[in-house]
N, C-alpha and C. Protein backbone atom coordinates (compact mmCIF):
# COMPACT_ATOMS: atom_id res chain seq x y z
N MET A 1 -4.03 3.29 8.92
CA MET A 1 -3.34 1.62 9.12
C MET A 1 -4.06 1.38 9.96
N LEU A 2 -4.82 -0.01 9.99
CA LEU A 2 -4.88 -0.81 11.29
C LEU A 2 -4.13 -1.82 10.96
N VAL A 3 -3.57 -2.30 12.38
CA VAL A 3 -2.34 -3.58 12.71
C VAL A 3 -2.95 -4.53 13.67
N LEU A 4 -3.16 -5.53 13.24
CA LEU A 4 -4.06 -6.54 13.83
C LEU A 4 -3.91 -6.99 14.73
N LYS A 5 -2.14 -7.12 14.64
CA LYS A 5 -1.31 -8.10 16.20
C LYS A 5 -1.45 -6.36 17.36
N ASP A 6 -1.36 -5.69 17.11
CA ASP A 6 -1.10 -4.11 17.44
C ASP A 6 -2.44 -4.13 18.61
N LYS A 7 -3.71 -4.73 17.83
CA LYS A 7 -4.61 -3.99 17.73
C LYS A 7 -5.02 -2.45 17.91
N THR A 8 -4.18 -1.87 17.35
CA THR A 8 -4.49 -0.18 16.99
C THR A 8 -3.82 0.32 16.42
N THR A 9 -3.90 1.59 15.69
CA THR A 9 -3.57 2.28 14.03
C THR A 9 -2.53 3.16 13.97
N TYR A 10 -2.51 3.64 13.56
CA TYR A 10 -1.53 4.88 12.81
C TYR A 10 -1.42 4.79 11.60
N GLY A 11 -2.03 7.07 11.37
CA GLY A 11 -1.22 7.99 10.80
C GLY A 11 -0.92 7.61 9.41
N PHE A 12 -1.46 7.76 8.48
CA PHE A 12 -0.08 8.62 7.58
C PHE A 12 -0.17 9.48 6.57
N ASP A 13 0.35 10.45 6.15
CA ASP A 13 0.30 11.17 5.48
C ASP A 13 0.23 11.18 4.28
N LEU A 14 -0.26 11.47 3.40
CA LEU A 14 -0.80 11.28 1.64
C LEU A 14 -0.06 12.51 1.14
N LYS A 15 0.63 11.70 -0.33
CA LYS A 15 1.26 12.94 -1.31
C LYS A 15 0.91 12.54 -2.64
N LEU A 16 1.13 13.13 -3.32
CA LEU A 16 0.44 12.67 -4.91
C LEU A 16 2.34 12.56 -4.96
N GLU A 17 2.01 11.27 -5.44
CA GLU A 17 3.36 11.29 -6.46
C GLU A 17 4.23 11.81 -8.51
N LYS A 18 3.60 11.42 -8.85
CA LYS A 18 2.89 11.97 -10.39
C LYS A 18 1.62 11.90 -11.06
N GLN A 19 1.54 11.93 -12.27
CA GLN A 19 0.87 11.92 -13.53
C GLN A 19 1.21 11.60 -14.76
N ALA A 20 1.64 10.68 -14.69
CA ALA A 20 1.56 10.01 -16.42
C ALA A 20 1.64 9.01 -16.84
N LYS A 21 1.55 9.17 -18.15
CA LYS A 21 1.05 7.88 -18.78
C LYS A 21 0.49 7.15 -18.72
N GLY A 22 -1.62 7.64 -17.97
CA GLY A 22 -2.87 7.45 -18.02
C GLY A 22 -2.04 7.32 -16.33
N HIS A 23 -1.22 6.91 -15.79
CA HIS A 23 -1.69 6.06 -14.71
C HIS A 23 -1.61 8.18 -13.08
N THR A 24 -1.84 7.27 -11.65
CA THR A 24 -1.49 8.81 -11.04
C THR A 24 -1.28 7.57 -9.69
N SER A 25 -0.16 8.35 -9.47
CA SER A 25 0.34 7.61 -8.81
C SER A 25 1.12 8.72 -6.90
N PHE A 26 1.50 7.93 -6.00
CA PHE A 26 0.60 8.87 -4.18
C PHE A 26 1.14 7.88 -3.38
N THR A 27 2.85 8.75 -2.61
CA THR A 27 2.34 7.60 -1.17
C THR A 27 2.20 8.00 0.10
N LEU A 28 2.09 6.49 0.98
CA LEU A 28 1.41 7.06 2.31
C LEU A 28 2.94 6.76 2.98
N THR A 29 2.69 8.12 3.58
CA THR A 29 4.48 7.99 4.51
C THR A 29 3.47 7.65 5.94
N PRO A 30 4.29 6.78 6.94
CA PRO A 30 3.32 6.74 8.16
C PRO A 30 3.71 8.37 8.47
N SER A 31 3.02 8.95 9.74
CA SER A 31 3.25 10.38 10.00
C SER A 31 4.33 9.75 11.87
N ASN A 32 4.03 8.78 12.20
CA ASN A 32 5.18 9.04 13.04
C ASN A 32 5.88 8.61 13.06
N LEU A 33 7.64 9.26 13.23
CA LEU A 33 8.56 8.44 13.55
C LEU A 33 8.76 7.50 13.09
N LEU A 34 8.94 7.32 14.67
CA LEU A 34 9.33 5.67 15.14
C LEU A 34 8.77 4.77 13.46
N ILE A 35 7.48 5.00 13.27
CA ILE A 35 6.53 4.04 12.91
C ILE A 35 7.24 3.95 10.96
N ARG A 36 7.85 5.50 11.72
CA ARG A 36 8.20 5.50 9.82
C ARG A 36 9.98 5.09 8.77
N LEU A 37 10.64 4.93 9.93
CA LEU A 37 11.82 4.27 10.50
C LEU A 37 11.93 2.77 10.31
N ALA A 38 10.74 2.15 10.67
CA ALA A 38 10.56 0.97 10.67
C ALA A 38 9.39 0.03 9.41
N VAL A 39 8.77 0.56 8.89
CA VAL A 39 7.63 0.79 7.60
C VAL A 39 8.27 1.73 6.30
N ALA A 40 8.45 1.45 5.97
CA ALA A 40 8.98 2.35 4.14
C ALA A 40 7.86 2.81 3.85
N PRO A 41 7.33 3.78 2.78
CA PRO A 41 6.34 4.39 2.22
C PRO A 41 5.84 4.02 1.49
N LEU A 42 4.60 3.31 1.86
CA LEU A 42 3.14 2.81 -0.07
C LEU A 42 2.96 3.83 -0.91
N ARG A 43 3.03 2.85 -1.68
CA ARG A 43 2.79 3.32 -3.58
C ARG A 43 1.73 2.75 -3.83
N VAL A 44 1.35 3.13 -4.09
CA VAL A 44 -0.70 3.13 -4.78
C VAL A 44 -0.15 3.22 -6.34
N VAL A 45 -0.55 3.31 -7.17
CA VAL A 45 -1.21 3.56 -8.86
C VAL A 45 -2.40 3.03 -9.25
N PHE A 46 -3.17 4.54 -9.82
CA PHE A 46 -4.41 4.17 -10.45
C PHE A 46 -4.54 4.24 -11.23
N ASP A 47 -5.14 3.68 -12.51
CA ASP A 47 -5.05 4.00 -13.83
C ASP A 47 -6.35 5.52 -13.39
N THR A 48 -5.86 6.06 -14.53
CA THR A 48 -6.20 7.27 -14.45
C THR A 48 -7.65 7.60 -14.64
N SER A 49 -7.91 6.91 -16.39
CA SER A 49 -9.14 6.26 -17.34
C SER A 49 -10.34 5.96 -16.33
N ALA A 50 -9.78 4.78 -15.90
CA ALA A 50 -9.82 4.22 -16.05
C ALA A 50 -10.74 3.53 -14.29
N ARG A 51 -10.22 4.47 -13.38
CA ARG A 51 -10.42 5.37 -12.72
C ARG A 51 -10.34 3.33 -11.15
N THR A 52 -9.49 2.43 -11.34
CA THR A 52 -8.90 1.74 -10.53
C THR A 52 -7.56 1.82 -10.37
N VAL A 53 -7.59 0.92 -9.24
CA VAL A 53 -5.68 0.42 -9.24
C VAL A 53 -5.31 -0.46 -9.73
N ALA A 54 -4.12 0.11 -10.48
CA ALA A 54 -3.42 -0.68 -10.63
C ALA A 54 -2.96 -1.77 -10.27
N ARG A 55 -1.82 -1.02 -8.98
CA ARG A 55 -0.46 -1.48 -8.37
C ARG A 55 -0.68 -0.79 -7.37
N TYR A 56 0.10 -2.10 -6.40
CA TYR A 56 0.19 -1.49 -4.70
C TYR A 56 1.29 -2.19 -3.80
N GLU A 57 2.57 -0.96 -3.44
CA GLU A 57 4.09 -1.36 -3.21
C GLU A 57 4.30 -1.33 -1.16
N GLY A 58 4.37 -2.42 -0.86
CA GLY A 58 3.92 -1.90 0.00
C GLY A 58 4.17 -3.22 1.46
N ARG A 59 3.06 -2.80 3.21
CA ARG A 59 3.15 -4.10 3.74
C ARG A 59 2.38 -4.12 3.23
N VAL A 60 1.82 -5.40 3.81
CA VAL A 60 0.17 -6.16 3.47
C VAL A 60 0.71 -6.93 4.66
N PRO A 61 -1.16 -7.43 4.63
CA PRO A 61 -1.39 -8.27 5.84
C PRO A 61 -1.07 -9.90 5.43
N PRO A 62 -0.93 -9.47 5.32
CA PRO A 62 -0.33 -11.33 4.99
C PRO A 62 1.11 -10.95 5.58
N MET A 63 1.29 -12.26 6.11
CA MET A 63 2.94 -12.41 7.00
C MET A 63 3.49 -13.70 6.48
N GLU A 64 4.49 -13.98 6.90
CA GLU A 64 5.83 -14.24 6.03
C GLU A 64 5.86 -15.15 7.53
N SER A 65 5.97 -17.00 6.94
CA SER A 65 6.60 -17.58 7.57
C SER A 65 8.19 -17.56 7.79
N VAL A 66 8.67 -17.12 8.17
CA VAL A 66 10.68 -17.47 7.92
C VAL A 66 10.42 -17.70 9.45
N ALA A 67 11.49 -19.02 9.11
CA ALA A 67 11.67 -20.15 10.04
C ALA A 67 11.34 -20.35 11.55
N GLY A 68 9.95 -20.43 11.16
CA GLY A 68 8.91 -20.66 11.62
C GLY A 68 7.96 -19.74 12.39
N LYS A 69 8.72 -18.75 12.79
CA LYS A 69 8.22 -17.20 12.73
C LYS A 69 7.55 -16.07 11.79
N LEU A 70 5.89 -15.89 12.18
CA LEU A 70 5.68 -15.21 11.28
C LEU A 70 6.26 -13.89 10.87
N LYS A 71 7.01 -13.00 10.52
CA LYS A 71 7.65 -12.05 10.34
C LYS A 71 6.34 -11.11 8.36
N ASP A 72 7.07 -9.50 9.55
CA ASP A 72 5.81 -8.64 8.32
C ASP A 72 5.94 -8.75 6.63
N LEU A 73 5.86 -8.48 5.82
CA LEU A 73 5.72 -8.42 4.70
C LEU A 73 5.81 -7.61 3.77
N ASP A 74 6.52 -7.14 3.10
CA ASP A 74 6.21 -5.99 2.17
C ASP A 74 6.14 -6.66 0.50
N ALA A 75 5.56 -6.58 -0.44
CA ALA A 75 5.02 -6.82 -1.42
C ALA A 75 5.30 -5.64 -2.72
N ARG A 76 4.93 -6.18 -3.85
CA ARG A 76 4.15 -5.57 -5.11
C ARG A 76 3.49 -6.60 -5.49
N VAL A 77 2.01 -6.14 -5.74
CA VAL A 77 0.84 -6.90 -6.00
C VAL A 77 0.10 -5.68 -7.01
N VAL A 78 0.20 -6.47 -8.37
CA VAL A 78 -0.41 -6.60 -9.35
C VAL A 78 -1.97 -6.34 -9.50
N TYR A 79 -3.73 -5.45 -9.87
CA TYR A 79 -3.99 -5.63 -9.74
C TYR A 79 -4.72 -5.67 -10.77
N THR A 80 -5.96 -6.77 -11.69
CA THR A 80 -6.17 -7.09 -13.16
C THR A 80 -7.78 -7.01 -12.34
N PRO A 81 -8.33 -5.96 -13.04
CA PRO A 81 -9.53 -5.88 -12.55
C PRO A 81 -10.54 -7.46 -13.66
N VAL A 82 -10.96 -7.33 -13.35
CA VAL A 82 -11.97 -7.83 -13.76
C VAL A 82 -13.29 -7.84 -14.17
N SER A 83 -13.91 -6.67 -13.80
CA SER A 83 -15.35 -5.94 -13.95
C SER A 83 -15.60 -4.94 -14.47
N ALA A 84 -16.06 -4.35 -15.45
CA ALA A 84 -16.21 -3.64 -16.56
C ALA A 84 -16.50 -2.02 -15.50
N THR A 85 -16.82 -2.70 -14.27
CA THR A 85 -16.91 -0.86 -13.06
C THR A 85 -17.15 -2.07 -11.65
N TYR A 86 -16.78 -0.82 -11.13
CA TYR A 86 -16.96 -0.70 -9.65
C TYR A 86 -18.21 -0.45 -8.87
N ARG A 87 -18.81 -0.25 -8.32
CA ARG A 87 -20.00 0.73 -7.10
C ARG A 87 -19.55 1.58 -6.67
C-alpha cells in the first residue's frame, strides 16, 4: 500500500476469509507489527459470479478534517457496477 504523506509503501499479508452466498471475502493485514497496531485489517468482498468488488472496509485515501487538522479515515465503501463488464 502506498502512503503518499509518508512517501513510502507498506506490505500486507493477504488471507482468504470466506466464501458464502455468492461472495468471496479476504483481509489484508499489515505485515509490519508496528503498522498493524495503527492500522486495522482491510476487508474486501467480491461478488463471485460477477467477478467485481462489492464492498471495501478499512483505511481510505481521503482524509477527514477534525478540528482543522487532517486525520486518517477508515470507511465502508459499497460499489455499484455501472458497466456490464470490466476489461
